[in-house]
C-alpha atoms as a PDB file:
ATOM      1  CA  MET A   1      19.195  18.439   2.943  1.00  0.00           C
ATOM      2  CA  ASP A   2      18.444  14.713   2.838  1.00  0.00           C
ATOM      3  CA  LYS A   3      14.793  13.829   2.626  1.00  0.00           C
ATOM      4  CA  CYS A   4      12.856  10.611   2.818  1.00  0.00           C
ATOM      5  CA  CYS A   5       9.163  11.476   2.769  1.00  0.00           C
ATOM      6  CA  ARG A   6       7.027   9.799   0.109  1.00  0.00           C
ATOM      7  CA  CYS A   7       7.721  12.585  -2.352  1.00  0.00           C
ATOM      8  CA  HIS A   8      11.319  11.296  -2.458  1.00  0.00           C
ATOM      9  CA  ASP A   9      12.563   7.969  -3.767  1.00  0.00           C
ATOM     10  CA  SER A  10      15.547   7.561  -1.493  1.00  0.00           C
ATOM     11  CA  LYS A  11      17.597   8.977   1.351  1.00  0.00           C
ATOM     12  CA  GLN A  12      21.342   9.406   1.416  1.00  0.00           C
ATOM     13  CA  ARG A  13      22.715   7.832   4.593  1.00  0.00           C
ATOM     14  CA  THR A  14      26.070   8.501   6.138  1.00  0.00           C
ATOM     15  CA  ASP A  15      28.612   5.717   6.049  1.00  0.00           C
ATOM     16  CA  ASP A  16      28.266   5.394   9.835  1.00  0.00           C
ATOM     17  CA  GLU A  17      24.477   5.094   9.645  1.00  0.00           C
ATOM     18  CA  LYS A  18      24.692   2.459   6.894  1.00  0.00           C
ATOM     19  CA  LYS A  19      27.287   0.532   8.878  1.00  0.00           C
ATOM     20  CA  ARG A  20      25.140   0.499  12.049  1.00  0.00           C
ATOM     21  CA  LEU A  21      22.011  -0.582  10.178  1.00  0.00           C
ATOM     22  CA  ILE A  22      23.782  -3.265   8.151  1.00  0.00           C
ATOM     23  CA  ASN A  23      25.488  -4.614  11.286  1.00  0.00           C
ATOM     24  CA  ARG A  24      22.076  -4.953  12.948  1.00  0.00           C
ATOM     25  CA  LEU A  25      20.649  -6.672   9.871  1.00  0.00           C
ATOM     26  CA  ASN A  26      23.613  -9.052   9.712  1.00  0.00           C
ATOM     27  CA  ARG A  27      23.022 -10.035  13.346  1.00  0.00           C
ATOM     28  CA  ILE A  28      19.319 -10.584  12.632  1.00  0.00           C
ATOM     29  CA  GLU A  29      20.203 -12.661   9.592  1.00  0.00           C
ATOM     30  CA  GLY A  30      22.507 -14.795  11.755  1.00  0.00           C
ATOM     31  CA  GLN A  31      19.767 -15.250  14.335  1.00  0.00           C
ATOM     32  CA  ILE A  32      17.351 -16.389  11.612  1.00  0.00           C
ATOM     33  CA  ARG A  33      19.904 -18.889  10.296  1.00  0.00           C
ATOM     34  CA  GLY A  34      20.335 -20.136  13.861  1.00  0.00           C
ATOM     35  CA  ILE A  35      16.596 -20.684  14.216  1.00  0.00           C
ATOM     36  CA  LYS A  36      16.492 -22.493  10.885  1.00  0.00           C
ATOM     37  CA  GLY A  37      19.266 -24.769  12.127  1.00  0.00           C
ATOM     38  CA  MET A  38      17.332 -25.429  15.330  1.00  0.00           C
ATOM     39  CA  VAL A  39      14.291 -26.487  13.300  1.00  0.00           C
ATOM     40  CA  GLU A  40      16.454 -28.698  11.094  1.00  0.00           C
ATOM     41  CA  ARG A  41      17.944 -30.329  14.221  1.00  0.00           C
ATOM     42  CA  ASP A  42      14.482 -30.845  15.739  1.00  0.00           C
ATOM     43  CA  ALA A  43      15.217 -28.560  18.704  1.00  0.00           C
ATOM     44  CA  TYR A  44      12.684 -28.294  21.506  1.00  0.00           C
ATOM     45  CA  CYS A  45       9.820 -25.909  20.592  1.00  0.00           C
ATOM     46  CA  PRO A  46      10.203 -23.528  23.563  1.00  0.00           C
ATOM     47  CA  ASP A  47      13.902 -23.122  22.773  1.00  0.00           C
ATOM     48  CA  ILE A  48      13.050 -22.132  19.200  1.00  0.00           C
ATOM     49  CA  MET A  49      10.354 -19.732  20.404  1.00  0.00           C
ATOM     50  CA  VAL A  50      12.804 -17.996  22.743  1.00  0.00           C
ATOM     51  CA  GLN A  51      15.181 -17.464  19.836  1.00  0.00           C
ATOM     52  CA  ALA A  52      12.330 -16.262  17.617  1.00  0.00           C
ATOM     53  CA  SER A  53      11.397 -13.778  20.330  1.00  0.00           C
ATOM     54  CA  ALA A  54      14.975 -12.514  20.311  1.00  0.00           C
ATOM     55  CA  VAL A  55      14.703 -11.930  16.563  1.00  0.00           C
ATOM     56  CA  THR A  56      11.501  -9.958  17.079  1.00  0.00           C
ATOM     57  CA  ALA A  57      13.270  -7.800  19.663  1.00  0.00           C
ATOM     58  CA  ALA A  58      16.206  -7.295  17.277  1.00  0.00           C
ATOM     59  CA  VAL A  59      13.908  -6.232  14.429  1.00  0.00           C
ATOM     60  CA  ASN A  60      12.106  -3.853  16.784  1.00  0.00           C
ATOM     61  CA  SER A  61      15.457  -2.395  17.814  1.00  0.00           C
ATOM     62  CA  PHE A  62      16.399  -1.946  14.155  1.00  0.00           C
ATOM     63  CA  ASN A  63      13.102  -0.149  13.518  1.00  0.00           C
ATOM     64  CA  LYS A  64      13.604   2.120  16.543  1.00  0.00           C
ATOM     65  CA  GLU A  65      17.034   3.171  15.314  1.00  0.00           C
ATOM     66  CA  LEU A  66      15.793   3.776  11.778  1.00  0.00           C
ATOM     67  CA  LEU A  67      12.721   5.649  13.037  1.00  0.00           C
ATOM     68  CA  GLY A  68      14.830   7.854  15.300  1.00  0.00           C
ATOM     69  CA  THR A  69      17.108   8.790  12.434  1.00  0.00           C
ATOM     70  CA  HIS A  70      14.107   9.413  10.188  1.00  0.00           C
ATOM     71  CA  ILE A  71      12.533  11.775  12.730  1.00  0.00           C
ATOM     72  CA  ARG A  72      15.795  13.630  13.445  1.00  0.00           C
ATOM     73  CA  THR A  73      16.594  14.133   9.766  1.00  0.00           C
ATOM     74  CA  CYS A  74      13.788  13.694   7.248  1.00  0.00           C
ATOM     75  CA  VAL A  75      10.828  14.692   9.403  1.00  0.00           C
ATOM     76  CA  ALA A  76      12.581  17.605  11.108  1.00  0.00           C
ATOM     77  CA  ASP A  77      13.921  18.950   7.801  1.00  0.00           C
ATOM     78  CA  ASP A  78      10.519  18.727   6.108  1.00  0.00           C
ATOM     79  CA  ILE A  79       8.769  20.470   9.019  1.00  0.00           C
ATOM     80  CA  ARG A  80      11.360  23.257   8.943  1.00  0.00           C
ATOM     81  CA  GLU A  81      10.594  23.665   5.234  1.00  0.00           C
ATOM     82  CA  GLY A  82       6.850  23.879   5.939  1.00  0.00           C
ATOM     83  CA  LYS A  83       6.049  20.421   4.593  1.00  0.00           C
ATOM     84  CA  ASP A  84       3.627  19.467   7.355  1.00  0.00           C
ATOM     85  CA  GLU A  85       2.297  16.488   5.349  1.00  0.00           C
ATOM     86  CA  VAL A  86       5.334  14.614   6.660  1.00  0.00           C
ATOM     87  CA  ILE A  87       3.546  14.501  10.031  1.00  0.00           C
ATOM     88  CA  ASP A  88       0.683  12.494   8.520  1.00  0.00           C
ATOM     89  CA  GLU A  89       3.206  10.196   6.869  1.00  0.00           C
ATOM     90  CA  LEU A  90       4.959   9.685  10.210  1.00  0.00           C
ATOM     91  CA  LEU A  91       1.669   8.927  11.969  1.00  0.00           C
ATOM     92  CA  ASP A  92       0.765   6.431   9.241  1.00  0.00           C
ATOM     93  CA  THR A  93       4.168   4.773   9.603  1.00  0.00           C
ATOM     94  CA  LEU A  94       3.810   4.556  13.389  1.00  0.00           C
ATOM     95  CA  GLN A  95       0.339   3.015  13.061  1.00  0.00           C
ATOM     96  CA  ARG A  96       1.699   0.350  10.705  1.00  0.00           C
ATOM     97  CA  LEU A  97       4.623  -0.387  13.030  1.00  0.00           C
ATOM     98  CA  MET A  98       2.336  -0.792  16.042  1.00  0.00           C
ATOM     99  CA  LYS A  99       0.054  -3.455  14.557  1.00  0.00           C
END
């Protein structure tokens, strides 16, 4: 089974999973370029902040999708195999995400 706890260097993703994640990242990248253009055009600060907030929401959405997949695959598989240390890794990850 695919794993992604710290004892592993990588995780094999399905083509569909890669496609969804890369599509999200491409949209985020486009939003960042849009914000850069707004700064270059001297756009009004609140307008830039609204767009920056949208990027934050998009990154959070990306993280939620990735976290959900991680829990359903890596974490669940490791727990089934008796590797309970993955729970501590998950808690550590959640603490870092919630800063």
